[in-house]
């Protein structure tokens, strides 16, 4: 499955079902591009971005 790198919008929380409901880190993480994460994008809870230089995707 394709993966995308997302980070939460300031003031929003995005639980990650793959990690037992832990919140998406402020710096972002690599997540599967599925219906759940697409809804987070559509609802404005998260934005797609590039990983920080030197950082490794989760």
PDB file of N, CA and C in Angstrom:
ATOM      1  N   UNK A   1       0.850  -1.184   0.000  1.00  0.00           N
ATOM      2  CA  UNK A   1       0.000   0.000   0.000  1.00  0.00           C
ATOM      3  C   UNK A   1       0.894   1.244   0.000  1.00  0.00           C
ATOM      4  N   UNK A   2       0.483   2.236  -0.723  1.00  0.00           N
ATOM      5  CA  UNK A   2       1.219   3.503  -0.773  1.00  0.00           C
ATOM      6  C   UNK A   2       1.206   4.157   0.608  1.00  0.00           C
ATOM      7  N   UNK A   3       2.328   4.776   0.954  1.00  0.00           N
ATOM      8  CA  UNK A   3       2.425   5.496   2.223  1.00  0.00           C
ATOM      9  C   UNK A   3       2.613   6.975   1.932  1.00  0.00           C
ATOM     10  N   UNK A   4       2.097   7.803   2.819  1.00  0.00           N
ATOM     11  CA  UNK A   4       2.237   9.244   2.701  1.00  0.00           C
ATOM     12  C   UNK A   4       2.761   9.776   4.033  1.00  0.00           C
ATOM     13  N   UNK A   5       3.371  10.941   4.004  1.00  0.00           N
ATOM     14  CA  UNK A   5       3.904  11.552   5.214  1.00  0.00           C
ATOM     15  C   UNK A   5       2.956  12.671   5.619  1.00  0.00           C
ATOM     16  N   UNK A   6       2.391  12.564   6.810  1.00  0.00           N
ATOM     17  CA  UNK A   6       1.429  13.554   7.309  1.00  0.00           C
ATOM     18  C   UNK A   6       1.888  14.112   8.637  1.00  0.00           C
ATOM     19  N   UNK A   7       1.455  15.339   8.897  1.00  0.00           N
ATOM     20  CA  UNK A   7       1.628  15.906  10.232  1.00  0.00           C
ATOM     21  C   UNK A   7       0.306  16.545  10.623  1.00  0.00           C
ATOM     22  N   UNK A   8       0.009  16.559  11.918  1.00  0.00           N
ATOM     23  CA  UNK A   8      -1.248  17.151  12.354  1.00  0.00           C
ATOM     24  C   UNK A   8      -1.209  18.674  12.219  1.00  0.00           C
ATOM     25  N   UNK A   9      -2.359  19.251  11.972  1.00  0.00           N
ATOM     26  CA  UNK A   9      -2.498  20.706  11.934  1.00  0.00           C
ATOM     27  C   UNK A   9      -2.430  21.186  13.388  1.00  0.00           C
ATOM     28  N   UNK A  10      -1.766  22.314  13.669  1.00  0.00           N
ATOM     29  CA  UNK A  10      -1.700  22.812  15.046  1.00  0.00           C
ATOM     30  C   UNK A  10      -3.098  22.903  15.681  1.00  0.00           C
ATOM     31  N   UNK A  11      -3.200  22.383  16.892  1.00  0.00           N
ATOM     32  CA  UNK A  11      -4.467  22.410  17.613  1.00  0.00           C
ATOM     33  C   UNK A  11      -5.365  21.217  17.329  1.00  0.00           C
ATOM     34  N   UNK A  12      -4.927  20.311  16.461  1.00  0.00           N
ATOM     35  CA  UNK A  12      -5.718  19.114  16.140  1.00  0.00           C
ATOM     36  C   UNK A  12      -4.944  17.875  16.581  1.00  0.00           C
ATOM     37  N   UNK A  13      -5.673  16.840  16.944  1.00  0.00           N
ATOM     38  CA  UNK A  13      -5.072  15.569  17.330  1.00  0.00           C
ATOM     39  C   UNK A  13      -5.516  14.507  16.337  1.00  0.00           C
ATOM     40  N   UNK A  14      -4.582  13.668  15.929  1.00  0.00           N
ATOM     41  CA  UNK A  14      -4.877  12.606  14.976  1.00  0.00           C
ATOM     42  C   UNK A  14      -4.431  11.266  15.554  1.00  0.00           C
ATOM     43  N   UNK A  15      -5.336  10.507  16.159  1.00  0.00           N
ATOM     44  CA  UNK A  15      -4.962   9.185  16.659  1.00  0.00           C
ATOM     45  C   UNK A  15      -4.564   8.274  15.498  1.00  0.00           C
ATOM     46  N   UNK A  16      -3.531   7.470  15.718  1.00  0.00           N
ATOM     47  CA  UNK A  16      -3.043   6.548  14.696  1.00  0.00           C
ATOM     48  C   UNK A  16      -3.491   5.131  15.049  1.00  0.00           C
ATOM     49  N   UNK A  17      -4.438   4.585  14.295  1.00  0.00           N
ATOM     50  CA  UNK A  17      -4.947   3.243  14.617  1.00  0.00           C
ATOM     51  C   UNK A  17      -3.874   2.154  14.530  1.00  0.00           C
ATOM     52  N   UNK A  18      -2.849   2.351  13.717  1.00  0.00           N
ATOM     53  CA  UNK A  18      -1.780   1.356  13.598  1.00  0.00           C
ATOM     54  C   UNK A  18      -0.893   1.318  14.838  1.00  0.00           C
ATOM     55  N   UNK A  19      -0.900   2.385  15.616  1.00  0.00           N
ATOM     56  CA  UNK A  19      -0.060   2.469  16.821  1.00  0.00           C
ATOM     57  C   UNK A  19      -0.899   2.501  18.086  1.00  0.00           C
ATOM     58  N   UNK A  20      -1.970   1.777  18.106  1.00  0.00           N
ATOM     59  CA  UNK A  20      -2.789   1.673  19.312  1.00  0.00           C
ATOM     60  C   UNK A  20      -3.464   2.965  19.720  1.00  0.00           C
ATOM     61  N   UNK A  21      -3.684   3.866  18.767  1.00  0.00           N
ATOM     62  CA  UNK A  21      -4.370   5.110  19.073  1.00  0.00           C
ATOM     63  C   UNK A  21      -3.449   6.230  19.518  1.00  0.00           C
ATOM     64  N   UNK A  22      -2.122   5.988  19.515  1.00  0.00           N
ATOM     65  CA  UNK A  22      -1.190   7.065  19.856  1.00  0.00           C
ATOM     66  C   UNK A  22      -1.373   8.193  18.854  1.00  0.00           C
ATOM     67  N   UNK A  23      -1.161   9.409  19.307  1.00  0.00           N
ATOM     68  CA  UNK A  23      -1.343  10.560  18.430  1.00  0.00           C
ATOM     69  C   UNK A  23      -0.223  10.676  17.412  1.00  0.00           C
ATOM     70  N   UNK A  24      -0.573  11.143  16.235  1.00  0.00           N
ATOM     71  CA  UNK A  24       0.403  11.424  15.195  1.00  0.00           C
ATOM     72  C   UNK A  24       1.358  12.473  15.744  1.00  0.00           C
ATOM     73  N   UNK A  25       2.678  12.235  15.680  1.00  0.00           N
ATOM     74  CA  UNK A  25       3.635  13.201  16.234  1.00  0.00           C
ATOM     75  C   UNK A  25       3.552  14.561  15.537  1.00  0.00           C
ATOM     76  N   UNK A  26       3.869  15.616  16.271  1.00  0.00           N
ATOM     77  CA  UNK A  26       3.832  16.975  15.704  1.00  0.00           C
ATOM     78  C   UNK A  26       4.741  17.109  14.495  1.00  0.00           C
ATOM     79  N   UNK A  27       5.849  16.375  14.498  1.00  0.00           N
ATOM     80  CA  UNK A  27       6.789  16.422  13.387  1.00  0.00           C
ATOM     81  C   UNK A  27       6.346  15.588  12.189  1.00  0.00           C
ATOM     82  N   UNK A  28       5.295  14.813  12.365  1.00  0.00           N
ATOM     83  CA  UNK A  28       4.769  13.999  11.284  1.00  0.00           C
ATOM     84  C   UNK A  28       5.242  12.567  11.326  1.00  0.00           C
ATOM     85  N   UNK A  29       4.630  11.753  10.462  1.00  0.00           N
ATOM     86  CA  UNK A  29       4.964  10.338  10.373  1.00  0.00           C
ATOM     87  C   UNK A  29       4.477   9.790   9.039  1.00  0.00           C
ATOM     88  N   UNK A  30       5.095   8.692   8.641  1.00  0.00           N
ATOM     89  CA  UNK A  30       4.676   7.990   7.434  1.00  0.00           C
ATOM     90  C   UNK A  30       3.501   7.091   7.804  1.00  0.00           C
ATOM     91  N   UNK A  31       2.417   7.218   7.080  1.00  0.00           N
ATOM     92  CA  UNK A  31       1.211   6.436   7.351  1.00  0.00           C
ATOM     93  C   UNK A  31       0.687   5.845   6.049  1.00  0.00           C
ATOM     94  N   UNK A  32      -0.110   4.774   6.127  1.00  0.00           N
ATOM     95  CA  UNK A  32      -0.670   4.216   4.894  1.00  0.00           C
ATOM     96  C   UNK A  32      -1.701   5.176   4.299  1.00  0.00           C
ATOM     97  N   UNK A  33      -1.731   5.272   2.986  1.00  0.00           N
ATOM     98  CA  UNK A  33      -2.735   6.125   2.340  1.00  0.00           C
ATOM     99  C   UNK A  33      -4.005   5.296   2.201  1.00  0.00           C
ATOM    100  N   UNK A  34      -4.820   5.340   3.245  1.00  0.00           N
ATOM    101  CA  UNK A  34      -6.075   4.587   3.260  1.00  0.00           C
ATOM    102  C   UNK A  34      -7.238   5.535   3.565  1.00  0.00           C
ATOM    103  N   UNK A  35      -8.427   4.968   3.680  1.00  0.00           N
ATOM    104  CA  UNK A  35      -9.625   5.792   3.885  1.00  0.00           C
ATOM    105  C   UNK A  35      -9.544   6.600   5.181  1.00  0.00           C
ATOM    106  N   UNK A  36      -8.988   6.031   6.245  1.00  0.00           N
ATOM    107  CA  UNK A  36      -8.907   6.738   7.519  1.00  0.00           C
ATOM    108  C   UNK A  36      -8.076   8.022   7.375  1.00  0.00           C
ATOM    109  N   UNK A  37      -6.871   7.882   6.817  1.00  0.00           N
ATOM    110  CA  UNK A  37      -5.999   9.052   6.702  1.00  0.00           C
ATOM    111  C   UNK A  37      -6.505  10.023   5.649  1.00  0.00           C
ATOM    112  N   UNK A  38      -7.183   9.531   4.641  1.00  0.00           N
ATOM    113  CA  UNK A  38      -7.770  10.436   3.658  1.00  0.00           C
ATOM    114  C   UNK A  38      -8.852  11.296   4.312  1.00  0.00           C
ATOM    115  N   UNK A  39      -9.614  10.704   5.238  1.00  0.00           N
ATOM    116  CA  UNK A  39     -10.624  11.493   5.977  1.00  0.00           C
ATOM    117  C   UNK A  39      -9.948  12.563   6.830  1.00  0.00           C
ATOM    118  N   UNK A  40      -8.809  12.224   7.456  1.00  0.00           N
ATOM    119  CA  UNK A  40      -8.090  13.228   8.258  1.00  0.00           C
ATOM    120  C   UNK A  40      -7.653  14.391   7.374  1.00  0.00           C
ATOM    121  N   UNK A  41      -7.199  14.079   6.152  1.00  0.00           N
ATOM    122  CA  UNK A  41      -6.825  15.138   5.213  1.00  0.00           C
ATOM    123  C   UNK A  41      -8.055  15.948   4.808  1.00  0.00           C
ATOM    124  N   UNK A  42      -9.132  15.281   4.430  1.00  0.00           N
ATOM    125  CA  UNK A  42     -10.346  15.958   3.980  1.00  0.00           C
ATOM    126  C   UNK A  42     -10.958  16.834   5.074  1.00  0.00           C
ATOM    127  N   UNK A  43     -10.860  16.377   6.327  1.00  0.00           N
ATOM    128  CA  UNK A  43     -11.431  17.129   7.452  1.00  0.00           C
ATOM    129  C   UNK A  43     -10.523  18.259   7.929  1.00  0.00           C
ATOM    130  N   UNK A  44      -9.309  18.340   7.388  1.00  0.00           N
ATOM    131  CA  UNK A  44      -8.387  19.391   7.793  1.00  0.00           C
ATOM    132  C   UNK A  44      -7.661  19.104   9.095  1.00  0.00           C
ATOM    133  N   UNK A  45      -7.653  17.836   9.525  1.00  0.00           N
ATOM    134  CA  UNK A  45      -6.960  17.471  10.760  1.00  0.00           C
ATOM    135  C   UNK A  45      -5.463  17.291  10.541  1.00  0.00           C
ATOM    136  N   UNK A  46      -5.073  16.971   9.308  1.00  0.00           N
ATOM    137  CA  UNK A  46      -3.669  16.710   8.988  1.00  0.00           C
ATOM    138  C   UNK A  46      -3.358  17.278   7.611  1.00  0.00           C
ATOM    139  N   UNK A  47      -2.066  17.486   7.369  1.00  0.00           N
ATOM    140  CA  UNK A  47      -1.615  17.950   6.057  1.00  0.00           C
ATOM    141  C   UNK A  47      -0.478  17.044   5.592  1.00  0.00           C
ATOM    142  N   UNK A  48      -0.400  16.868   4.276  1.00  0.00           N
ATOM    143  CA  UNK A  48       0.694  16.087   3.712  1.00  0.00           C
ATOM    144  C   UNK A  48       1.930  16.983   3.646  1.00  0.00           C
ATOM    145  N   UNK A  49       3.076  16.422   3.978  1.00  0.00           N
ATOM    146  CA  UNK A  49       4.315  17.178   3.970  1.00  0.00           C
ATOM    147  C   UNK A  49       5.468  16.242   3.667  1.00  0.00           C
ATOM    148  N   UNK A  50       6.660  16.803   3.635  1.00  0.00           N
ATOM    149  CA  UNK A  50       7.862  16.003   3.450  1.00  0.00           C
ATOM    150  C   UNK A  50       8.528  15.836   4.813  1.00  0.00           C
ATOM    151  N   UNK A  51       9.184  14.687   5.022  1.00  0.00           N
ATOM    152  CA  UNK A  51       9.888  14.507   6.296  1.00  0.00           C
ATOM    153  C   UNK A  51      10.963  15.564   6.484  1.00  0.00           C
ATOM    154  N   UNK A  52      11.233  15.927   7.710  1.00  0.00           N
ATOM    155  CA  UNK A  52      12.282  16.903   8.011  1.00  0.00           C
ATOM    156  C   UNK A  52      13.617  16.363   7.510  1.00  0.00           C
ATOM    157  N   UNK A  53      14.434  17.219   6.959  1.00  0.00           N
ATOM    158  CA  UNK A  53      15.726  16.784   6.433  1.00  0.00           C
ATOM    159  C   UNK A  53      16.559  16.177   7.568  1.00  0.00           C
ATOM    160  N   UNK A  54      17.098  15.016   7.299  1.00  0.00           N
ATOM    161  CA  UNK A  54      17.899  14.326   8.305  1.00  0.00           C
ATOM    162  C   UNK A  54      17.062  13.451   9.228  1.00  0.00           C
ATOM    163  N   UNK A  55      15.753  13.634   9.192  1.00  0.00           N
ATOM    164  CA  UNK A  55      14.883  12.815  10.021  1.00  0.00           C
ATOM    165  C   UNK A  55      14.478  11.567   9.256  1.00  0.00           C
ATOM    166  N   UNK A  56      14.146  10.531   9.967  1.00  0.00           N
ATOM    167  CA  UNK A  56      13.709   9.339   9.276  1.00  0.00           C
ATOM    168  C   UNK A  56      12.211   9.160   9.472  1.00  0.00           C
ATOM    169  N   UNK A  57      11.484   8.735   8.448  1.00  0.00           N
ATOM    170  CA  UNK A  57      10.048   8.528   8.586  1.00  0.00           C
ATOM    171  C   UNK A  57       9.755   7.444   9.604  1.00  0.00           C
ATOM    172  N   UNK A  58       8.658   7.576  10.301  1.00  0.00           N
ATOM    173  CA  UNK A  58       8.262   6.581  11.304  1.00  0.00           C
ATOM    174  C   UNK A  58       7.722   5.342  10.643  1.00  0.00           C
TER     175      UNK A  58
END
